[in-house]
Amino acid sequence: MLVPLSYNLRSLLVRRSATLLTVLGIAATVAVLAGFLALRGGFESLYTTGGRSDVVIFLRPGSTSEGESSFPRERADRLIKTLPEIAPDESGQPLAAMETYLAVRRNKAGGGGETNVPIRGIQPASLKLRDRLRIAEGRMLQFGSDEVVVGRKLTERIENCRVGDVIQLNTTPFRVVGVLECPGAFESEIWGDFERMSVALAMPWASAVTARLAPDVDVAALSRRLEDDKEVPAKVLTERAYLLSMTQMLGGLLAVVGGILGAVMGLAAVFTAMNTMLSALAARTHEVGILLSLGFRPLPIFLSFLLEAVLLGLAGGVLGCLIAVPLHGVETGTTNFNTFTEVAFAFQLTPPVLLTAAIFSVLLGLLGGAIPAWRAARLEPTEALRRR
């Protein structure tokens, strides 16, 4: 026979001050954990939402990102024209583009110092490969001219990134003619013509080649073949796999920092919950003796006290999630350690994040209530009845 749930609820209400303190402690821990998970989720979703499995990135063997990679233009051109796996466009030409990629120091808006902004030189085929791209303001750049389009998230964060502004790259002024929107990290980049960017940035090579593959191409087989190719050796990654690899360093760091803070604050919350339940046991020892005398077995007593601790944890979890909800959609920026460029993204407080936070709060309650519940279950009825 189990102890009625109403008994536990009344007990929590009677000890409202201790209950509130415990709930607030658990809520603070859960809010911090949910915040870090939302931050990590927002950063990772920035790179994973726009990746495609039929688009591949060709990098120099041994490089881990576009910023580290370089292809002599003759080799990149040979790769594009000789690989039968590359799909043709509507005119029969290979649907592939050489691109440059470089991090350039730019001033933050509002005098917030400097940061690295990614500059990408593109060819006309680059626009066909990113078919989810659209111009939100102004127009697309004219190839062959000193014009650029900027990602939407740069317009408020970086100086001279509005339509009509001029961006100076070395000695070449580039006119901003449009603001682009595109799922993923492209909204934190500045795009210009490949040829003009190569001259302005003194980069007479291609950082990478991006291409769409023909249907049913085995990417793994293509990668193995090009690794040992004597003429055009290349590292091959699908766009989805490449973008996912860009989240490893910062995503891992956020997970470690969030885990450490969650563990430290969680330990304090566990001790708070344990102290609350031990105080409850001390005040209700006589009641426990009565329950045992009425025929309740030690296991129901144990489960009753444990249930109170779980309710405390769950209440703290709900409050902590409510505290973290306003973070959803808030935009922030940080340095991606894989490319050492700043990217802007929004906190993503998704259902999995909330579920993880709720499970964590229940776990805190269980850990905090286990010892008091065990002590309550081991009380002898006659000894408990003598206490007041």
Protein backbone atom coordinates (compact mmCIF):
# COMPACT_ATOMS: atom_id res chain seq x y z
CA MET A 1 0.00 0.00 0.00
CA LEU A 2 1.44 3.35 -1.10
CA VAL A 3 1.34 6.59 0.86
CA PRO A 4 -1.29 8.95 -0.66
CA LEU A 5 0.10 11.66 -2.93
CA SER A 6 -1.92 14.29 -1.06
CA TYR A 7 0.25 13.65 2.00
CA ASN A 8 3.37 14.62 0.08
CA LEU A 9 1.79 17.72 -1.45
CA ARG A 10 0.60 18.96 1.94
CA SER A 11 4.06 18.36 3.36
CA LEU A 12 5.66 20.51 0.66
CA LEU A 13 3.14 23.29 1.24
CA VAL A 14 3.66 23.27 5.02
CA ARG A 15 7.41 23.68 4.50
CA ARG A 16 6.94 26.34 1.82
CA SER A 17 10.06 28.35 2.68
CA ALA A 18 12.42 25.37 2.42
CA THR A 19 10.52 24.10 -0.62
CA LEU A 20 10.87 27.45 -2.40
CA LEU A 21 14.60 27.67 -1.62
CA THR A 22 15.19 24.19 -3.03
CA VAL A 23 13.09 24.86 -6.14
CA LEU A 24 14.97 28.12 -6.82
CA GLY A 25 18.34 26.39 -6.45
CA ILE A 26 17.40 23.65 -8.89
CA ALA A 27 15.79 26.22 -11.24
CA ALA A 28 18.98 28.27 -11.42
CA THR A 29 21.01 25.17 -12.27
CA VAL A 30 18.52 24.06 -14.92
CA ALA A 31 18.34 27.56 -16.45
CA VAL A 32 22.13 27.69 -16.83
CA LEU A 33 22.26 24.21 -18.35
CA ALA A 34 19.36 24.98 -20.73
CA GLY A 35 21.06 28.22 -21.74
CA PHE A 36 24.29 26.46 -22.67
CA LEU A 37 22.41 23.72 -24.52
CA ALA A 38 20.40 26.37 -26.41
CA LEU A 39 23.61 28.22 -27.25
CA ARG A 40 25.28 25.06 -28.51
CA GLY A 41 22.15 24.02 -30.41
CA GLY A 42 21.89 27.41 -32.09
CA PHE A 43 25.53 27.33 -33.15
CA GLU A 44 25.34 23.77 -34.49
CA SER A 45 22.05 24.37 -36.30
CA LEU A 46 23.69 27.30 -38.07
CA TYR A 47 25.96 24.85 -39.87
CA THR A 48 23.71 21.83 -40.19
CA THR A 49 20.47 23.32 -41.52
CA GLY A 50 21.79 24.27 -44.95
CA GLY A 51 24.02 21.29 -45.74
CA ARG A 52 23.23 19.07 -48.72
CA SER A 53 24.40 15.54 -49.42
CA ASP A 54 24.49 16.01 -53.23
CA VAL A 55 26.84 19.01 -53.02
CA VAL A 56 30.51 18.35 -52.25
CA ILE A 57 33.47 20.47 -51.19
CA PHE A 58 36.89 19.72 -52.70
CA LEU A 59 39.74 20.77 -50.38
CA ARG A 60 43.50 20.44 -50.48
CA PRO A 61 44.49 17.07 -48.95
CA GLY A 62 45.25 17.48 -45.25
CA SER A 63 43.27 20.69 -44.79
CA THR A 64 40.32 20.88 -42.42
CA SER A 65 38.58 24.03 -43.70
CA GLU A 66 38.39 26.38 -46.65
CA GLY A 67 40.59 28.84 -44.81
CA GLU A 68 43.45 26.31 -44.74
CA SER A 69 42.95 24.97 -48.25
CA SER A 70 44.37 26.19 -51.55
CA PHE A 71 44.27 24.91 -55.13
CA PRO A 72 46.36 26.28 -58.00
CA ARG A 73 43.77 27.62 -60.40
CA GLU A 74 44.93 25.32 -63.20
CA ARG A 75 44.46 22.28 -60.97
CA ALA A 76 41.05 23.47 -59.80
CA ASP A 77 39.98 24.09 -63.40
CA ARG A 78 41.20 20.63 -64.42
CA LEU A 79 39.29 19.06 -61.55
CA ILE A 80 36.05 20.75 -62.62
CA LYS A 81 36.41 19.83 -66.30
CA THR A 82 37.60 16.25 -65.95
CA LEU A 83 35.49 14.73 -63.19
CA PRO A 84 32.55 12.84 -64.72
CA GLU A 85 30.84 12.67 -61.30
CA ILE A 86 30.03 16.41 -61.42
CA ALA A 87 26.49 17.06 -62.62
CA PRO A 88 25.99 19.32 -65.68
CA ASP A 89 23.90 22.49 -65.59
CA GLU A 90 21.16 23.38 -68.10
CA SER A 91 23.79 24.34 -70.70
CA GLY A 92 25.77 21.14 -70.28
CA GLN A 93 28.63 22.74 -68.34
CA PRO A 94 29.87 21.22 -65.04
CA LEU A 95 27.86 22.61 -62.16
CA ALA A 96 30.89 23.60 -60.10
CA ALA A 97 32.59 26.76 -58.91
CA MET A 98 36.00 27.83 -57.66
CA GLU A 99 35.77 29.95 -54.52
CA THR A 100 38.15 31.95 -52.38
CA TYR A 101 37.74 32.20 -48.60
CA LEU A 102 39.62 34.51 -46.27
CA ALA A 103 39.08 35.97 -42.81
CA VAL A 104 39.49 39.77 -42.86
CA ARG A 105 39.60 42.08 -39.86
CA ARG A 106 36.62 44.44 -39.78
CA ASN A 107 35.34 46.94 -37.23
CA LYS A 108 32.28 46.03 -35.21
CA ALA A 109 29.36 48.43 -35.32
CA GLY A 110 29.09 50.80 -32.39
CA GLY A 111 32.80 50.83 -31.61
CA GLY A 112 32.92 47.29 -30.27
CA GLY A 113 36.44 46.59 -31.53
CA GLU A 114 37.47 44.34 -34.40
CA THR A 115 36.64 40.81 -35.45
CA ASN A 116 37.37 38.40 -38.30
CA VAL A 117 34.69 38.41 -41.01
CA PRO A 118 34.73 35.73 -43.74
CA ILE A 119 35.10 37.06 -47.29
CA ARG A 120 34.04 34.67 -50.07
CA GLY A 121 34.84 35.07 -53.74
CA ILE A 122 32.22 33.33 -55.86
CA GLN A 123 31.55 32.42 -59.48
CA PRO A 124 28.11 32.40 -61.19
CA ALA A 125 27.75 28.66 -60.55
CA SER A 126 28.04 29.34 -56.81
CA LEU A 127 24.56 30.88 -56.89
CA LYS A 128 23.12 27.80 -58.59
CA LEU A 129 24.65 25.57 -55.93
CA ARG A 130 22.98 27.60 -53.15
CA ASP A 131 19.46 27.55 -54.50
CA ARG A 132 17.97 28.54 -51.12
CA LEU A 133 19.70 31.90 -51.27
CA ARG A 134 17.66 35.06 -51.79
CA ILE A 135 18.35 38.78 -51.85
CA ALA A 136 16.45 40.42 -48.99
CA GLU A 137 17.46 43.97 -49.88
CA GLY A 138 19.05 45.59 -52.93
CA ARG A 139 20.24 43.29 -55.73
CA MET A 140 22.74 40.57 -56.55
CA LEU A 141 26.28 41.66 -57.43
CA GLN A 142 27.38 41.94 -61.05
CA PHE A 143 30.20 39.52 -61.78
CA GLY A 144 33.38 41.21 -62.94
CA SER A 145 32.65 44.36 -60.94
CA ASP A 146 33.79 45.67 -57.56
CA GLU A 147 30.46 44.92 -55.91
CA VAL A 148 29.62 42.75 -52.93
CA VAL A 149 26.58 41.41 -51.13
CA VAL A 150 26.64 40.97 -47.38
CA GLY A 151 24.94 38.46 -45.10
CA ARG A 152 21.89 39.74 -43.27
CA LYS A 153 23.43 39.16 -39.85
CA LEU A 154 26.35 41.47 -40.64
CA THR A 155 24.27 44.55 -41.33
CA GLU A 156 23.79 45.35 -37.63
CA ARG A 157 27.04 43.90 -36.32
CA ILE A 158 29.77 45.12 -38.71
CA GLU A 159 30.50 48.63 -39.96
CA ASN A 160 29.88 49.57 -43.62
CA CYS A 161 27.67 46.55 -44.30
CA ARG A 162 24.50 48.31 -45.42
CA VAL A 163 23.35 48.75 -49.00
CA GLY A 164 25.22 51.71 -50.49
CA ASP A 165 28.20 51.49 -48.10
CA VAL A 166 31.76 50.95 -49.29
CA ILE A 167 33.99 48.18 -47.92
CA GLN A 168 37.71 48.73 -48.35
CA LEU A 169 39.68 45.54 -48.93
CA ASN A 170 43.38 46.40 -49.10
CA THR A 171 43.45 49.14 -51.75
CA THR A 172 40.21 48.19 -53.50
CA PRO A 173 36.85 49.73 -52.54
CA PHE A 174 33.84 47.43 -52.94
CA ARG A 175 30.30 48.79 -53.07
CA VAL A 176 27.61 46.95 -51.06
CA VAL A 177 24.69 46.40 -53.44
CA GLY A 178 22.62 43.76 -51.64
CA VAL A 179 21.84 41.86 -48.46
CA LEU A 180 21.59 38.10 -48.78
CA GLU A 181 19.62 35.58 -46.77
CA CYS A 182 20.51 31.91 -46.83
CA PRO A 183 20.15 29.13 -44.24
CA GLY A 184 23.42 28.52 -42.46
CA ALA A 185 26.62 30.45 -41.89
CA PHE A 186 26.50 32.29 -45.23
CA GLU A 187 24.52 35.08 -43.56
CA SER A 188 27.71 35.98 -41.66
CA GLU A 189 29.81 36.31 -44.84
CA ILE A 190 30.61 38.95 -47.47
CA TRP A 191 30.44 37.73 -51.08
CA GLY A 192 32.16 39.22 -54.10
CA ASP A 193 33.27 38.22 -57.58
CA PHE A 194 35.91 35.47 -57.55
CA GLU A 195 38.24 37.24 -59.98
CA ARG A 196 38.01 40.65 -58.31
CA MET A 197 38.41 39.17 -54.83
CA SER A 198 41.46 37.21 -55.96
CA VAL A 199 43.11 40.47 -57.07
CA ALA A 200 42.00 42.57 -54.09
CA LEU A 201 43.02 39.97 -51.51
CA ALA A 202 46.17 38.90 -53.38
CA MET A 203 44.99 35.30 -53.59
CA PRO A 204 45.88 33.92 -57.04
CA TRP A 205 44.44 30.52 -56.15
CA ALA A 206 41.15 28.87 -55.23
CA SER A 207 40.50 27.97 -51.61
CA ALA A 208 38.05 25.23 -52.56
CA VAL A 209 35.89 23.86 -55.33
CA THR A 210 32.18 23.38 -54.70
CA ALA A 211 30.17 21.13 -57.03
CA ARG A 212 26.92 19.25 -57.34
CA LEU A 213 27.26 15.55 -57.98
CA ALA A 214 25.37 13.53 -60.51
CA PRO A 215 22.73 11.17 -59.10
CA ASP A 216 23.90 7.91 -57.47
CA VAL A 217 27.54 8.98 -57.20
CA ASP A 218 29.39 7.16 -54.40
CA VAL A 219 31.06 9.98 -52.47
CA ALA A 220 33.24 7.59 -50.46
CA ALA A 221 34.59 5.95 -53.62
CA LEU A 222 35.22 9.35 -55.21
CA SER A 223 37.08 10.47 -52.09
CA ARG A 224 39.30 7.38 -52.07
CA ARG A 225 40.12 7.82 -55.75
CA LEU A 226 41.04 11.49 -55.49
CA GLU A 227 43.17 11.02 -52.39
CA ASP A 228 45.68 9.08 -54.49
CA ASP A 229 45.17 10.98 -57.74
CA LYS A 230 48.48 12.21 -59.20
CA GLU A 231 47.07 15.13 -61.19
CA VAL A 232 44.25 16.51 -59.05
CA PRO A 233 44.59 15.15 -55.49
CA ALA A 234 41.76 16.42 -53.31
CA LYS A 235 39.93 15.82 -50.08
CA VAL A 236 36.21 15.32 -50.73
CA LEU A 237 33.44 16.03 -48.24
CA THR A 238 29.74 16.40 -48.73
CA GLU A 239 28.55 19.88 -47.84
CA ARG A 240 26.61 18.39 -44.93
CA ALA A 241 29.67 16.59 -43.54
CA TYR A 242 31.89 19.62 -44.06
CA LEU A 243 29.54 21.98 -42.24
CA LEU A 244 29.12 19.49 -39.40
CA SER A 245 32.92 19.36 -38.99
CA MET A 246 32.92 23.15 -38.52
CA THR A 247 31.03 22.73 -35.22
CA GLN A 248 33.38 20.30 -33.52
CA MET A 249 35.74 22.64 -31.64
CA LEU A 250 33.33 25.28 -30.36
CA GLY A 251 30.47 22.80 -29.94
CA GLY A 252 32.72 20.56 -27.88
CA LEU A 253 33.94 23.50 -25.79
CA LEU A 254 30.39 24.64 -25.04
CA ALA A 255 29.46 21.08 -24.06
CA VAL A 256 32.43 20.87 -21.66
CA VAL A 257 31.82 24.29 -20.08
CA GLY A 258 28.09 23.62 -19.77
CA GLY A 259 28.79 20.21 -18.24
CA ILE A 260 31.22 21.63 -15.68
CA LEU A 261 28.86 24.45 -14.65
CA GLY A 262 25.93 22.03 -14.54
CA ALA A 263 27.91 19.62 -12.35
CA VAL A 264 29.10 22.31 -9.92
CA MET A 265 25.74 24.05 -9.61
CA GLY A 266 23.97 20.68 -9.64
CA LEU A 267 26.05 19.50 -6.69
CA ALA A 268 24.97 22.57 -4.72
CA ALA A 269 21.33 21.95 -5.71
CA VAL A 270 21.59 18.30 -4.63
CA PHE A 271 22.87 19.32 -1.18
CA THR A 272 20.08 21.88 -0.89
CA ALA A 273 17.46 19.27 -1.75
CA MET A 274 19.07 16.78 0.62
CA ASN A 275 19.07 19.31 3.46
CA THR A 276 15.41 20.11 2.80
CA MET A 277 14.42 16.45 2.88
CA LEU A 278 16.52 15.73 6.00
CA SER A 279 14.82 18.66 7.75
CA ALA A 280 11.46 17.25 6.67
CA LEU A 281 12.40 13.85 8.04
CA ALA A 282 13.46 15.36 11.38
CA ALA A 283 10.15 17.23 11.66
CA ARG A 284 8.01 14.28 10.58
CA THR A 285 9.66 11.37 12.36
CA HIS A 286 6.59 10.96 14.56
CA GLU A 287 4.36 10.94 11.46
CA VAL A 288 6.56 8.26 9.88
CA GLY A 289 6.16 6.18 13.03
CA ILE A 290 2.37 6.46 12.75
CA LEU A 291 2.47 5.43 9.09
CA LEU A 292 4.61 2.41 9.94
CA SER A 293 2.25 1.49 12.80
CA LEU A 294 -0.74 1.69 10.44
CA GLY A 295 0.80 -1.01 8.27
CA PHE A 296 2.76 0.94 5.67
CA ARG A 297 5.89 -0.99 4.73
CA PRO A 298 9.39 0.60 4.51
CA LEU A 299 9.31 0.57 0.68
CA PRO A 300 6.22 2.83 0.40
CA ILE A 301 7.79 5.17 2.98
CA PHE A 302 11.00 5.24 0.91
CA LEU A 303 9.05 5.93 -2.29
CA SER A 304 6.98 8.62 -0.58
CA PHE A 305 10.01 10.64 0.49
CA LEU A 306 11.69 10.05 -2.85
CA LEU A 307 8.56 11.29 -4.61
CA GLU A 308 8.71 14.54 -2.67
CA ALA A 309 12.29 15.05 -3.80
CA VAL A 310 11.32 14.31 -7.40
CA LEU A 311 8.47 16.83 -7.17
CA LEU A 312 10.95 19.41 -5.90
CA GLY A 313 13.27 18.65 -8.80
CA LEU A 314 10.46 18.72 -11.34
CA ALA A 315 9.16 22.04 -10.03
CA GLY A 316 12.67 23.46 -10.23
CA GLY A 317 13.03 22.10 -13.75
CA VAL A 318 9.81 23.71 -14.92
CA LEU A 319 10.78 27.05 -13.37
CA GLY A 320 14.29 26.83 -14.82
CA CYS A 321 12.93 26.17 -18.31
CA LEU A 322 10.56 29.12 -17.95
CA ILE A 323 13.51 31.32 -16.97
CA ALA A 324 15.42 30.14 -20.06
CA VAL A 325 12.51 30.54 -22.52
CA PRO A 326 13.19 34.28 -23.19
CA LEU A 327 16.61 33.27 -24.56
CA HIS A 328 15.00 31.51 -27.53
CA GLY A 329 15.68 33.43 -30.72
CA VAL A 330 18.07 35.91 -29.12
CA GLU A 331 20.92 36.52 -31.57
CA THR A 332 24.53 36.56 -30.46
CA GLY A 333 27.93 36.13 -32.06
CA THR A 334 31.09 34.22 -31.29
CA THR A 335 34.29 33.02 -32.90
CA ASN A 336 34.23 29.70 -34.67
CA PHE A 337 37.55 28.15 -33.68
CA ASN A 338 37.61 25.97 -36.80
CA THR A 339 37.81 29.03 -39.09
CA PHE A 340 38.68 31.79 -36.55
CA THR A 341 35.90 33.95 -37.95
CA GLU A 342 32.92 35.45 -36.15
CA VAL A 343 29.52 33.96 -36.84
CA ALA A 344 26.14 35.23 -35.68
CA PHE A 345 23.42 32.84 -34.59
CA ALA A 346 20.38 32.61 -32.33
CA PHE A 347 19.76 30.58 -29.19
CA GLN A 348 17.65 27.51 -30.03
CA LEU A 349 15.58 26.34 -27.06
CA THR A 350 14.24 23.23 -28.75
CA PRO A 351 12.06 20.44 -27.26
CA PRO A 352 15.11 18.14 -26.88
CA VAL A 353 16.86 20.90 -24.89
CA LEU A 354 13.85 21.32 -22.62
CA LEU A 355 13.51 17.56 -22.20
CA THR A 356 17.20 17.24 -21.28
CA ALA A 357 16.83 20.04 -18.73
CA ALA A 358 13.73 18.42 -17.23
CA ILE A 359 15.44 15.02 -16.94
CA PHE A 360 18.44 16.73 -15.32
CA SER A 361 16.18 18.42 -12.74
CA VAL A 362 14.49 15.14 -11.86
CA LEU A 363 17.90 13.52 -11.49
CA LEU A 364 18.93 16.30 -9.08
CA GLY A 365 15.79 15.62 -7.03
CA LEU A 366 16.47 11.88 -6.96
CA LEU A 367 20.06 12.36 -5.82
CA GLY A 368 19.04 14.86 -3.17
CA GLY A 369 16.22 12.70 -1.82
CA ALA A 370 17.80 9.25 -1.89
CA ILE A 371 19.59 9.40 1.50
CA PRO A 372 16.69 11.03 3.43
CA ALA A 373 14.26 8.53 1.91
CA TRP A 374 16.53 5.65 2.87
CA ARG A 375 16.76 6.93 6.46
CA ALA A 376 12.98 7.32 6.66
CA ALA A 377 12.44 3.77 5.46
CA ARG A 378 14.86 2.35 8.08
CA LEU A 379 13.13 3.94 11.08
CA GLU A 380 11.71 1.59 13.69
CA PRO A 381 8.01 2.33 14.47
CA THR A 382 8.47 2.38 18.27
CA GLU A 383 11.56 4.61 18.08
CA ALA A 384 9.87 7.00 15.62
CA LEU A 385 6.74 7.32 17.78
CA ARG A 386 8.79 8.36 20.81
CA ARG A 387 10.26 11.35 18.92
CA ARG A 388 8.52 14.70 18.77
